[in-house]
Amino acid sequence: MELNYYWEPETSRRKLLKTIGAVGMLSVVSPGIVSPQTLEGSDEIEPPHEWAIPKYIEPDGTPGYDENGLRFIDYADVMHGVYLTAAMARDSELGNEQYRDGRIYDEEMAPRGERWLDLFALVNDRFEDTGVVARYVDSDEWEPDGVASLRELQHAAYGTYHMHHRAGRFMEHGIDLMMNLLYVPLRFASQVPRYVLDEHYDGGRFYHDTEQTEFDFESQAYGFAAAHAIPYGWIVWLREGGHTHIDKWFGYTASEVIDIAYELKDELDAAWDDERATYDFGDGYTQPIDAVGAMGRTQKILWELLYMHADDEDAARELFDQSVAMLEAVFESDVVQPHGLPSHVEFTADGVVAASDTVDVKRQWEFTSHLTGGMAHTREREGMAMFIDEVRPELGERLGETTDTLLHGMTEYQLDDEGRIVTEIDFETGEVTDDRISASTVGTFIIGLGNCYRAGSDFERPGNFDDDVDEEMRERSLNLYDIQMENTELLEEEFLRT
């Protein structure tokens, strides 16, 4: 395997990593192993492939490209889809012997991890420069063009820091692969959220533009989602101990992050509309469904920060109560249908209603990923606030019921005849209205499915199959894995053409 190290670690440090196994999140890398200065010169890494990823593929197999060039969002979401399937190939999930006789772990986990590194090298080299991510690159000269929006950045660092977090799962496939997955993503995963905080944030508000003039519900939700690796890192650091250079990685100390949390809380409190169970930032009450999910993630991380780092349970509870009201208004409404969620919803005094006649499949699975992946509503651990488990377990139950509904419905409404996830559905009828296969939608779907499938009670991983898991649950859980694998192979074979 050709190494993609940004530097060669010392032998003694390799032994240390071999001893500790999995190392979680960039904030908990053992002290002394690496500092930000170690990554100087990383932009000199040349990607081994120049994959020209199309925006979509027609049902007949014809690729379609954006007239402006190759899109960052397509590369990022394909990378995230490959990441999740590679990381889930551990022996309790896709790599379990009860699924395809364990072949995913034995034969596919390492090659997929290496493919992710190749794809990451391309994204890092062609689209990103010191945290600034280009919206497009020219397909001939590979020159960057434009700057990615906050919505496009909301998952920009997602697959990089989570692949880093899960690098230890690859240990048995070789120390070289594990070390690459552990270290290669670090600079990108810290620089992108740092850029968002530096350039798009001020005084409790995230702005769409770096001039900081355009502010609304979406900028607040997407902005924090794009920057959330930094507060997430400090939360994990407090729970598990961590890197002595974490403030240099992030550019923000713990006290600065807490100040930001209080600024954001003040802004959210001022905008809270108790009657409608949402925020009024002056732009109305109709919002994209994925922005609602991103706002839910914002609330979750903020209340954990204030509980764990500021020891302010009262402030944390206020944010938690807002999150319960907002999300339960969605879960208890008629917008949750088997064929999907509407692309936009409106918060009214009488509840949440559909504000679109379209199911944007990508937005739907972004919504589920925000609420079930990473530092999300499904993550309750010792040392954290534990508000969902101890104060409002119904919120977790309703979230699980919603994801179960969407997963069951996906198998009936959102797949074409070849098992590929489609792009758009009519919210009223459940009929497919756009049967093109979108790179961004497929990648986001894999992330959403992989994050949410165990949030409810209808699906389980094979590592937990026991006498309490009946044959019907086993069958539908393994069928879900088949869908994930088929769509992952679609990304690799049709969009990357590996």
Protein backbone atom coordinates (compact mmCIF):
# COMPACT_ATOMS: atom_id res chain seq x y z
CA MET A 1 0.00 0.00 0.00
CA GLU A 2 1.36 3.47 -0.90
CA LEU A 3 1.44 5.58 2.25
CA ASN A 4 -0.39 8.89 2.35
CA TYR A 5 1.18 10.00 5.64
CA TYR A 6 1.68 13.70 6.03
CA TRP A 7 4.68 12.65 8.16
CA GLU A 8 6.32 9.45 9.37
CA PRO A 9 5.54 8.74 13.04
CA GLU A 10 8.29 7.50 15.29
CA THR A 11 8.46 3.78 16.02
CA SER A 12 7.78 4.31 19.72
CA ARG A 13 4.65 6.23 18.85
CA ARG A 14 3.50 3.48 16.55
CA LYS A 15 3.84 1.07 19.45
CA LEU A 16 1.82 3.41 21.61
CA LEU A 17 -0.95 3.54 19.04
CA LYS A 18 -0.85 -0.22 18.62
CA THR A 19 -1.37 -0.46 22.37
CA ILE A 20 -4.26 1.98 22.65
CA GLY A 21 -6.06 0.76 19.53
CA ALA A 22 -8.91 3.07 18.51
CA VAL A 23 -8.31 6.72 19.16
CA GLY A 24 -11.48 8.79 19.31
CA MET A 25 -11.93 12.14 17.60
CA LEU A 26 -9.05 14.48 16.91
CA SER A 27 -9.47 15.95 20.38
CA VAL A 28 -8.52 12.74 22.15
CA VAL A 29 -5.34 11.82 20.32
CA SER A 30 -2.83 11.01 23.06
CA PRO A 31 -0.73 14.00 24.17
CA GLY A 32 2.58 14.47 22.39
CA ILE A 33 1.80 12.36 19.33
CA VAL A 34 1.08 15.24 16.98
CA SER A 35 0.80 19.00 16.92
CA PRO A 36 -0.73 21.25 14.26
CA GLN A 37 2.75 22.22 13.08
CA THR A 38 3.33 18.60 12.08
CA LEU A 39 0.92 19.02 9.17
CA GLU A 40 2.76 21.86 7.44
CA GLY A 41 3.26 21.02 3.80
CA SER A 42 0.29 18.66 3.63
CA ASP A 43 -1.09 20.46 0.58
CA GLU A 44 1.82 19.00 -1.39
CA ILE A 45 0.19 15.56 -1.31
CA GLU A 46 -0.80 14.64 -4.83
CA PRO A 47 -4.06 12.69 -5.25
CA PRO A 48 -3.55 9.34 -6.99
CA HIS A 49 -6.75 9.71 -9.04
CA GLU A 50 -8.64 12.57 -10.65
CA TRP A 51 -12.15 11.24 -10.52
CA ALA A 52 -14.61 13.43 -12.42
CA ILE A 53 -17.74 12.77 -10.38
CA PRO A 54 -20.94 13.64 -12.25
CA LYS A 55 -23.80 15.45 -10.55
CA TYR A 56 -26.21 12.69 -11.51
CA ILE A 57 -26.67 9.67 -13.73
CA GLU A 58 -29.72 9.25 -15.95
CA PRO A 59 -31.69 5.99 -15.68
CA ASP A 60 -30.04 4.86 -18.92
CA GLY A 61 -26.57 5.40 -17.43
CA THR A 62 -25.74 8.73 -19.06
CA PRO A 63 -23.77 11.00 -16.69
CA GLY A 64 -24.84 14.60 -16.22
CA TYR A 65 -22.58 17.44 -15.07
CA ASP A 66 -23.26 20.89 -13.69
CA GLU A 67 -22.56 23.60 -16.26
CA ASN A 68 -20.39 25.41 -13.70
CA GLY A 69 -18.02 22.50 -13.19
CA LEU A 70 -17.44 19.62 -10.79
CA ARG A 71 -19.29 20.26 -7.53
CA PHE A 72 -17.69 20.04 -4.09
CA ILE A 73 -20.94 18.75 -2.58
CA ASP A 74 -20.87 15.70 -4.87
CA TYR A 75 -17.29 14.85 -3.89
CA ALA A 76 -17.96 15.41 -0.20
CA ASP A 77 -21.10 13.28 -0.09
CA VAL A 78 -19.60 10.44 -2.14
CA MET A 79 -16.63 10.51 0.23
CA HIS A 80 -18.97 10.37 3.23
CA GLY A 81 -20.90 7.44 1.80
CA VAL A 82 -17.71 5.47 1.16
CA TYR A 83 -16.49 6.36 4.66
CA LEU A 84 -19.57 5.09 6.47
CA THR A 85 -19.71 1.76 4.70
CA ALA A 86 -15.98 1.25 5.29
CA ALA A 87 -16.33 2.10 8.99
CA MET A 88 -19.41 -0.11 9.40
CA ALA A 89 -17.51 -3.11 8.03
CA ARG A 90 -16.47 -4.00 11.60
CA ASP A 91 -17.45 -7.46 12.78
CA SER A 92 -20.55 -6.33 14.70
CA GLU A 93 -22.18 -4.76 11.63
CA LEU A 94 -21.57 -5.19 7.91
CA GLY A 95 -18.53 -7.39 8.59
CA ASN A 96 -20.40 -9.82 10.83
CA GLU A 97 -20.25 -13.48 9.80
CA GLN A 98 -24.06 -13.55 9.68
CA TYR A 99 -23.98 -11.07 6.80
CA ARG A 100 -22.38 -12.34 3.59
CA ASP A 101 -20.26 -14.74 5.66
CA GLY A 102 -18.10 -11.88 6.95
CA ARG A 103 -16.71 -11.09 3.50
CA ILE A 104 -17.24 -7.34 3.90
CA TYR A 105 -14.74 -7.30 6.78
CA ASP A 106 -12.29 -9.78 5.28
CA GLU A 107 -12.27 -8.59 1.68
CA GLU A 108 -13.72 -5.08 1.40
CA MET A 109 -13.00 -3.08 4.56
CA ALA A 110 -9.33 -2.32 3.85
CA PRO A 111 -9.71 -1.58 0.10
CA ARG A 112 -12.63 0.74 0.88
CA GLY A 113 -10.58 2.52 3.53
CA GLU A 114 -7.79 3.02 1.00
CA ARG A 115 -10.32 4.26 -1.57
CA TRP A 116 -11.55 6.80 0.97
CA LEU A 117 -7.98 8.04 1.48
CA ASP A 118 -7.54 8.47 -2.28
CA LEU A 119 -10.79 10.38 -2.57
CA PHE A 120 -9.98 12.52 0.45
CA ALA A 121 -6.59 13.41 -1.05
CA LEU A 122 -8.37 14.64 -4.17
CA VAL A 123 -10.88 16.74 -2.22
CA ASN A 124 -8.17 18.14 0.02
CA ASP A 125 -5.89 18.99 -2.91
CA ARG A 126 -8.41 20.38 -5.40
CA PHE A 127 -11.18 21.99 -3.37
CA GLU A 128 -9.75 23.20 -0.04
CA ASP A 129 -7.21 25.86 0.92
CA THR A 130 -6.71 26.72 4.62
CA GLY A 131 -10.31 25.95 5.46
CA VAL A 132 -11.81 27.76 2.46
CA VAL A 133 -13.66 25.26 0.28
CA ALA A 134 -14.37 25.92 -3.39
CA ARG A 135 -17.90 25.32 -4.63
CA TYR A 136 -16.71 24.03 -8.01
CA VAL A 137 -13.56 23.06 -9.84
CA ASP A 138 -13.13 23.23 -13.58
CA SER A 139 -13.13 19.71 -15.01
CA ASP A 140 -10.32 20.47 -17.48
CA GLU A 141 -7.83 22.56 -15.52
CA TRP A 142 -9.04 21.63 -12.02
CA GLU A 143 -9.08 25.30 -11.04
CA PRO A 144 -11.32 26.22 -8.07
CA ASP A 145 -14.30 28.50 -8.61
CA GLY A 146 -16.58 30.14 -6.03
CA VAL A 147 -16.89 29.42 -2.31
CA ALA A 148 -19.06 26.66 -0.85
CA SER A 149 -22.20 27.79 0.97
CA LEU A 150 -22.90 27.03 4.61
CA ARG A 151 -25.38 24.38 3.54
CA GLU A 152 -22.69 22.72 1.42
CA LEU A 153 -20.26 22.99 4.32
CA GLN A 154 -22.62 21.58 6.97
CA HIS A 155 -21.23 18.10 6.35
CA ALA A 156 -17.89 19.17 4.85
CA ALA A 157 -15.77 17.90 7.70
CA TYR A 158 -18.23 15.21 8.75
CA GLY A 159 -16.77 12.15 7.08
CA THR A 160 -13.19 13.29 7.74
CA TYR A 161 -13.33 13.62 11.50
CA HIS A 162 -15.58 10.61 11.86
CA MET A 163 -13.26 8.46 9.77
CA HIS A 164 -10.43 9.66 12.02
CA HIS A 165 -12.57 8.78 15.03
CA ARG A 166 -13.06 5.23 13.72
CA ALA A 167 -9.51 4.59 12.51
CA GLY A 168 -8.96 2.00 15.24
CA ARG A 169 -11.53 -0.26 13.62
CA PHE A 170 -9.00 -0.83 10.81
CA MET A 171 -6.20 -1.96 13.13
CA GLU A 172 -6.32 -5.61 12.11
CA HIS A 173 -5.97 -4.57 8.46
CA GLY A 174 -2.55 -3.09 9.13
CA ILE A 175 -0.93 -0.35 11.13
CA ASP A 176 -0.15 1.66 7.97
CA LEU A 177 -3.80 1.91 6.95
CA MET A 178 -4.91 2.71 10.47
CA MET A 179 -2.29 5.43 10.88
CA ASN A 180 -3.28 7.02 7.58
CA LEU A 181 -6.95 7.07 8.55
CA LEU A 182 -6.05 8.39 11.98
CA TYR A 183 -3.85 11.29 10.90
CA VAL A 184 -4.51 12.27 7.28
CA PRO A 185 -7.94 13.87 7.96
CA LEU A 186 -6.86 16.05 10.89
CA ARG A 187 -5.99 19.34 9.25
CA PHE A 188 -9.06 19.41 7.01
CA ALA A 189 -11.34 18.38 9.88
CA SER A 190 -10.12 21.25 12.05
CA GLN A 191 -9.50 23.97 9.46
CA VAL A 192 -12.93 23.96 7.81
CA PRO A 193 -14.93 24.51 11.02
CA ARG A 194 -12.31 27.02 12.17
CA TYR A 195 -12.81 29.00 8.94
CA VAL A 196 -16.58 29.00 9.48
CA LEU A 197 -16.22 30.39 13.01
CA ASP A 198 -13.60 32.92 11.95
CA GLU A 199 -15.42 34.27 8.91
CA HIS A 200 -19.14 33.52 9.25
CA TYR A 201 -19.75 33.99 12.98
CA ASP A 202 -20.09 37.04 15.19
CA GLY A 203 -21.91 37.78 18.42
CA GLY A 204 -24.23 34.77 18.54
CA ARG A 205 -25.04 34.71 14.82
CA PHE A 206 -23.83 32.68 11.86
CA TYR A 207 -24.12 34.59 8.59
CA HIS A 208 -24.42 33.21 5.09
CA ASP A 209 -21.76 35.61 3.82
CA THR A 210 -18.34 36.56 5.10
CA GLU A 211 -19.39 40.24 5.06
CA GLN A 212 -21.83 39.12 7.78
CA THR A 213 -24.95 40.81 6.44
CA GLU A 214 -27.23 37.85 5.60
CA PHE A 215 -28.69 36.10 8.65
CA ASP A 216 -31.69 33.79 9.04
CA PHE A 217 -32.77 30.38 10.38
CA GLU A 218 -30.80 28.54 7.72
CA SER A 219 -27.54 30.41 8.29
CA GLN A 220 -27.80 29.84 12.04
CA ALA A 221 -28.51 26.12 11.63
CA TYR A 222 -26.11 25.33 8.77
CA GLY A 223 -23.38 27.55 10.22
CA PHE A 224 -23.26 25.76 13.53
CA ALA A 225 -23.51 22.38 11.80
CA ALA A 226 -20.47 23.29 9.69
CA ALA A 227 -18.51 24.44 12.76
CA HIS A 228 -19.69 21.84 15.26
CA ALA A 229 -16.51 19.73 15.16
CA ILE A 230 -14.89 22.32 17.42
CA PRO A 231 -17.40 22.24 20.30
CA TYR A 232 -17.83 18.48 19.75
CA GLY A 233 -14.08 18.08 20.15
CA TRP A 234 -14.08 19.97 23.44
CA ILE A 235 -16.97 17.85 24.75
CA VAL A 236 -15.09 14.62 23.98
CA TRP A 237 -11.88 16.09 25.37
CA LEU A 238 -13.58 16.77 28.72
CA ARG A 239 -15.10 13.28 28.86
CA GLU A 240 -12.06 11.26 27.85
CA GLY A 241 -9.00 13.46 28.24
CA GLY A 242 -7.06 14.45 25.19
CA HIS A 243 -4.59 16.31 23.12
CA THR A 244 -2.50 19.01 24.78
CA HIS A 245 -2.62 21.04 21.56
CA ILE A 246 -6.37 20.95 21.03
CA ASP A 247 -6.72 24.73 21.33
CA LYS A 248 -4.05 25.16 18.64
CA TRP A 249 -5.82 22.69 16.37
CA PHE A 250 -9.11 24.47 16.70
CA GLY A 251 -7.94 28.03 17.21
CA TYR A 252 -10.41 28.31 20.08
CA THR A 253 -9.87 27.57 23.75
CA ALA A 254 -12.51 25.90 25.90
CA SER A 255 -13.39 29.21 27.54
CA GLU A 256 -13.81 30.87 24.13
CA VAL A 257 -16.08 28.06 22.96
CA ILE A 258 -18.19 28.45 26.12
CA ASP A 259 -18.48 32.18 25.47
CA ILE A 260 -19.72 31.37 21.97
CA ALA A 261 -22.21 28.89 23.42
CA TYR A 262 -23.67 31.56 25.69
CA GLU A 263 -23.83 34.05 22.82
CA LEU A 264 -25.68 31.53 20.71
CA LYS A 265 -28.03 30.68 23.56
CA ASP A 266 -28.88 34.36 24.04
CA GLU A 267 -29.68 34.66 20.34
CA LEU A 268 -31.80 31.50 20.37
CA ASP A 269 -33.65 32.55 23.52
CA ALA A 270 -34.49 35.93 22.00
CA ALA A 271 -35.84 34.30 18.85
CA TRP A 272 -37.79 31.48 20.53
CA ASP A 273 -41.52 31.42 19.72
CA ASP A 274 -43.15 29.22 22.32
CA GLU A 275 -46.51 29.10 20.52
CA ARG A 276 -45.02 27.76 17.29
CA ALA A 277 -42.19 25.77 18.94
CA THR A 278 -39.48 27.24 16.74
CA TYR A 279 -37.27 30.28 16.28
CA ASP A 280 -38.24 33.52 14.57
CA PHE A 281 -35.17 35.21 13.14
CA GLY A 282 -37.27 37.52 11.02
CA ASP A 283 -37.45 35.23 8.00
CA GLY A 284 -40.75 33.48 8.74
CA TYR A 285 -41.65 30.05 10.01
CA THR A 286 -41.12 27.94 6.88
CA GLN A 287 -37.81 26.07 6.85
CA PRO A 288 -36.04 23.29 4.95
CA ILE A 289 -36.37 20.01 6.81
CA ASP A 290 -32.60 19.48 6.88
CA ALA A 291 -32.14 22.92 8.49
CA VAL A 292 -34.55 21.84 11.22
CA GLY A 293 -32.33 18.79 11.81
CA ALA A 294 -29.22 20.98 11.83
CA MET A 295 -30.85 23.25 14.41
CA GLY A 296 -31.60 20.17 16.52
CA ARG A 297 -27.91 19.23 16.45
CA THR A 298 -27.07 22.83 17.43
CA GLN A 299 -29.34 22.61 20.48
CA LYS A 300 -27.91 19.26 21.53
CA ILE A 301 -24.25 20.30 21.40
CA LEU A 302 -24.94 23.62 23.11
CA TRP A 303 -26.74 22.05 26.04
CA GLU A 304 -24.00 19.46 26.47
CA LEU A 305 -21.34 22.19 26.38
CA LEU A 306 -23.08 24.29 29.01
CA TYR A 307 -23.76 21.27 31.22
CA MET A 308 -20.29 19.74 30.99
CA HIS A 309 -17.95 22.71 30.62
CA ALA A 310 -19.86 25.56 32.30
CA ASP A 311 -21.63 23.46 34.96
CA ASP A 312 -24.78 25.40 34.08
CA GLU A 313 -27.60 22.87 34.24
CA ASP A 314 -30.32 25.53 34.17
CA ALA A 315 -29.12 27.03 30.89
CA ALA A 316 -28.64 23.55 29.43
CA ARG A 317 -32.18 22.56 30.38
CA GLU A 318 -33.63 25.63 28.70
CA LEU A 319 -32.01 24.65 25.42
CA PHE A 320 -33.07 21.05 25.89
CA ASP A 321 -36.69 22.11 26.45
CA GLN A 322 -36.62 24.13 23.23
CA SER A 323 -35.26 21.11 21.36
CA VAL A 324 -37.96 18.83 22.77
CA ALA A 325 -40.70 21.24 21.75
CA MET A 326 -39.34 21.80 18.22
CA LEU A 327 -38.58 18.19 17.37
CA GLU A 328 -41.67 16.65 18.93
CA ALA A 329 -43.75 19.14 16.94
CA VAL A 330 -42.23 17.54 13.82
CA PHE A 331 -42.42 13.93 15.00
CA GLU A 332 -46.07 14.21 16.07
CA SER A 333 -47.25 15.91 12.88
CA ASP A 334 -48.56 14.60 9.57
CA VAL A 335 -45.35 15.57 7.77
CA VAL A 336 -43.88 12.19 8.76
CA GLN A 337 -45.08 9.82 6.03
CA PRO A 338 -43.76 6.44 4.88
CA HIS A 339 -42.80 7.87 1.48
CA GLY A 340 -40.76 10.63 3.12
CA LEU A 341 -40.61 14.08 4.67
CA PRO A 342 -41.51 17.22 2.72
CA SER A 343 -38.52 19.30 1.68
CA HIS A 344 -39.89 22.27 3.69
CA VAL A 345 -42.14 22.50 6.73
CA GLU A 346 -44.00 25.36 8.38
CA PHE A 347 -44.31 25.77 12.13
CA THR A 348 -47.79 27.08 12.95
CA ALA A 349 -49.69 27.69 16.16
CA ASP A 350 -51.60 24.48 15.40
CA GLY A 351 -48.54 22.33 14.70
CA VAL A 352 -46.11 21.57 11.90
CA VAL A 353 -47.48 21.28 8.36
CA ALA A 354 -45.95 20.49 4.99
CA ALA A 355 -44.82 23.57 3.09
CA SER A 356 -43.79 21.70 -0.04
CA ASP A 357 -45.34 19.08 -2.30
CA THR A 358 -41.93 17.49 -2.85
CA VAL A 359 -39.80 15.00 -0.92
CA ASP A 360 -36.19 16.04 -1.50
CA VAL A 361 -34.58 12.71 -0.65
CA LYS A 362 -31.20 14.27 0.15
CA ARG A 363 -32.72 16.76 2.61
CA GLN A 364 -34.67 13.97 4.32
CA TRP A 365 -31.60 11.86 5.04
CA GLU A 366 -29.63 14.93 6.10
CA PHE A 367 -32.37 15.54 8.68
CA THR A 368 -32.02 12.01 10.08
CA SER A 369 -28.22 12.20 10.06
CA HIS A 370 -28.17 15.42 12.07
CA LEU A 371 -30.31 13.83 14.77
CA THR A 372 -28.69 10.38 14.91
CA GLY A 373 -25.05 10.75 13.81
CA GLY A 374 -22.09 11.90 15.90
CA MET A 375 -22.95 14.21 18.79
CA ALA A 376 -26.67 13.77 18.18
CA HIS A 377 -29.85 13.09 20.15
CA THR A 378 -29.12 9.36 20.17
CA ARG A 379 -25.80 9.89 21.99
CA GLU A 380 -26.19 9.84 25.77
CA ARG A 381 -23.04 8.86 27.69
CA GLU A 382 -21.80 8.92 31.26
CA GLY A 383 -20.65 12.42 32.19
CA MET A 384 -23.05 14.08 29.77
CA ALA A 385 -26.35 15.75 30.72
CA MET A 386 -28.41 12.59 30.00
CA PHE A 387 -31.52 14.75 29.64
CA ILE A 388 -33.15 12.53 27.02
CA ASP A 389 -32.69 9.31 28.99
CA GLU A 390 -33.56 10.78 32.39
CA VAL A 391 -35.94 13.66 31.66
CA ARG A 392 -37.68 13.03 28.36
CA PRO A 393 -37.19 9.48 27.07
CA GLU A 394 -40.27 10.00 24.89
CA LEU A 395 -38.18 12.23 22.64
CA GLY A 396 -35.81 9.36 21.85
CA GLU A 397 -38.73 7.00 21.34
CA ARG A 398 -40.44 9.36 18.90
CA LEU A 399 -37.21 9.91 17.02
CA GLY A 400 -36.83 6.13 16.70
CA GLU A 401 -40.43 5.72 15.54
CA THR A 402 -39.83 8.39 12.89
CA THR A 403 -36.65 6.79 11.56
CA ASP A 404 -38.33 3.36 11.50
CA THR A 405 -41.19 4.82 9.48
CA LEU A 406 -38.78 6.41 7.01
CA LEU A 407 -36.65 3.27 6.65
CA HIS A 408 -39.64 1.02 6.02
CA GLY A 409 -41.05 3.55 3.57
CA MET A 410 -37.74 3.97 1.78
CA THR A 411 -37.78 0.32 0.72
CA GLU A 412 -41.22 0.79 -0.84
CA TYR A 413 -41.10 4.33 -2.27
CA GLN A 414 -37.55 5.63 -2.65
CA LEU A 415 -35.76 2.89 -4.60
CA ASP A 416 -35.91 2.30 -8.33
CA ASP A 417 -36.24 -1.15 -9.86
CA GLU A 418 -32.50 -1.74 -9.47
CA GLY A 419 -32.47 -0.80 -5.78
CA ARG A 420 -30.91 2.64 -6.31
CA ILE A 421 -32.06 5.59 -4.23
CA VAL A 422 -33.93 8.18 -6.31
CA THR A 423 -33.73 11.96 -6.08
CA GLU A 424 -37.25 13.30 -5.66
CA ILE A 425 -40.75 12.08 -4.76
CA ASP A 426 -44.19 13.67 -4.78
CA PHE A 427 -45.14 14.24 -1.14
CA GLU A 428 -48.87 13.86 -1.78
CA THR A 429 -48.81 10.66 -3.85
CA GLY A 430 -45.46 9.02 -3.08
CA GLU A 431 -44.71 8.75 -6.79
CA VAL A 432 -41.16 9.26 -8.07
CA THR A 433 -40.84 12.64 -9.79
CA ASP A 434 -37.08 12.58 -10.47
CA ASP A 435 -35.57 9.17 -11.15
CA ARG A 436 -32.08 10.42 -11.88
CA ILE A 437 -29.42 9.02 -9.54
CA SER A 438 -27.72 11.91 -7.74
CA ALA A 439 -24.21 11.48 -6.34
CA SER A 440 -24.95 13.78 -3.44
CA THR A 441 -28.27 12.11 -2.65
CA VAL A 442 -26.85 8.58 -2.69
CA GLY A 443 -23.94 9.53 -0.42
CA THR A 444 -26.22 11.37 2.01
CA PHE A 445 -28.67 8.47 2.02
CA ILE A 446 -25.93 6.02 3.03
CA ILE A 447 -24.88 8.33 5.87
CA GLY A 448 -28.47 8.81 7.04
CA LEU A 449 -29.29 5.10 6.88
CA GLY A 450 -26.11 4.02 8.63
CA ASN A 451 -26.58 6.54 11.42
CA CYS A 452 -30.27 6.07 12.10
CA TYR A 453 -31.10 2.41 11.56
CA ARG A 454 -30.76 1.45 15.23
CA ALA A 455 -32.47 4.57 16.62
CA GLY A 456 -35.81 2.77 16.63
CA SER A 457 -36.85 -0.77 17.47
CA ASP A 458 -37.39 -2.39 14.07
CA PHE A 459 -33.79 -2.94 12.96
CA GLU A 460 -30.72 -4.37 14.66
CA ARG A 461 -27.10 -5.10 13.83
CA PRO A 462 -26.17 -8.79 13.45
CA GLY A 463 -23.66 -8.55 16.29
CA ASN A 464 -26.69 -8.19 18.58
CA PHE A 465 -28.75 -10.97 17.07
CA ASP A 466 -29.82 -13.28 19.90
CA ASP A 467 -32.88 -15.23 20.96
CA ASP A 468 -34.85 -12.00 21.43
CA VAL A 469 -34.37 -11.04 17.77
CA ASP A 470 -36.94 -12.87 15.68
CA GLU A 471 -36.43 -14.06 12.12
CA GLU A 472 -38.47 -11.19 10.66
CA MET A 473 -36.23 -8.56 12.26
CA ARG A 474 -33.11 -10.42 11.14
CA GLU A 475 -34.37 -10.54 7.57
CA ARG A 476 -35.34 -6.87 7.32
CA SER A 477 -32.10 -5.75 9.04
CA LEU A 478 -29.94 -7.71 6.60
CA ASN A 479 -32.08 -6.44 3.71
CA LEU A 480 -31.24 -2.91 4.87
CA TYR A 481 -27.56 -3.82 4.66
CA ASP A 482 -28.10 -5.10 1.11
CA ILE A 483 -29.57 -1.72 0.17
CA GLN A 484 -26.64 0.09 1.74
CA MET A 485 -24.09 -2.11 -0.03
CA GLU A 486 -25.81 -1.82 -3.40
CA ASN A 487 -25.82 1.96 -3.19
CA THR A 488 -22.23 2.08 -1.97
CA GLU A 489 -21.18 -0.08 -4.92
CA LEU A 490 -23.19 2.28 -7.13
CA LEU A 491 -21.07 5.21 -5.92
CA GLU A 492 -17.85 3.31 -6.50
CA GLU A 493 -18.67 1.71 -9.82
CA GLU A 494 -20.73 4.41 -11.54
CA PHE A 495 -19.59 7.71 -9.99
CA LEU A 496 -15.95 6.84 -9.22
CA ARG A 497 -15.76 4.07 -11.86
CA THR A 498 -13.34 2.02 -9.79
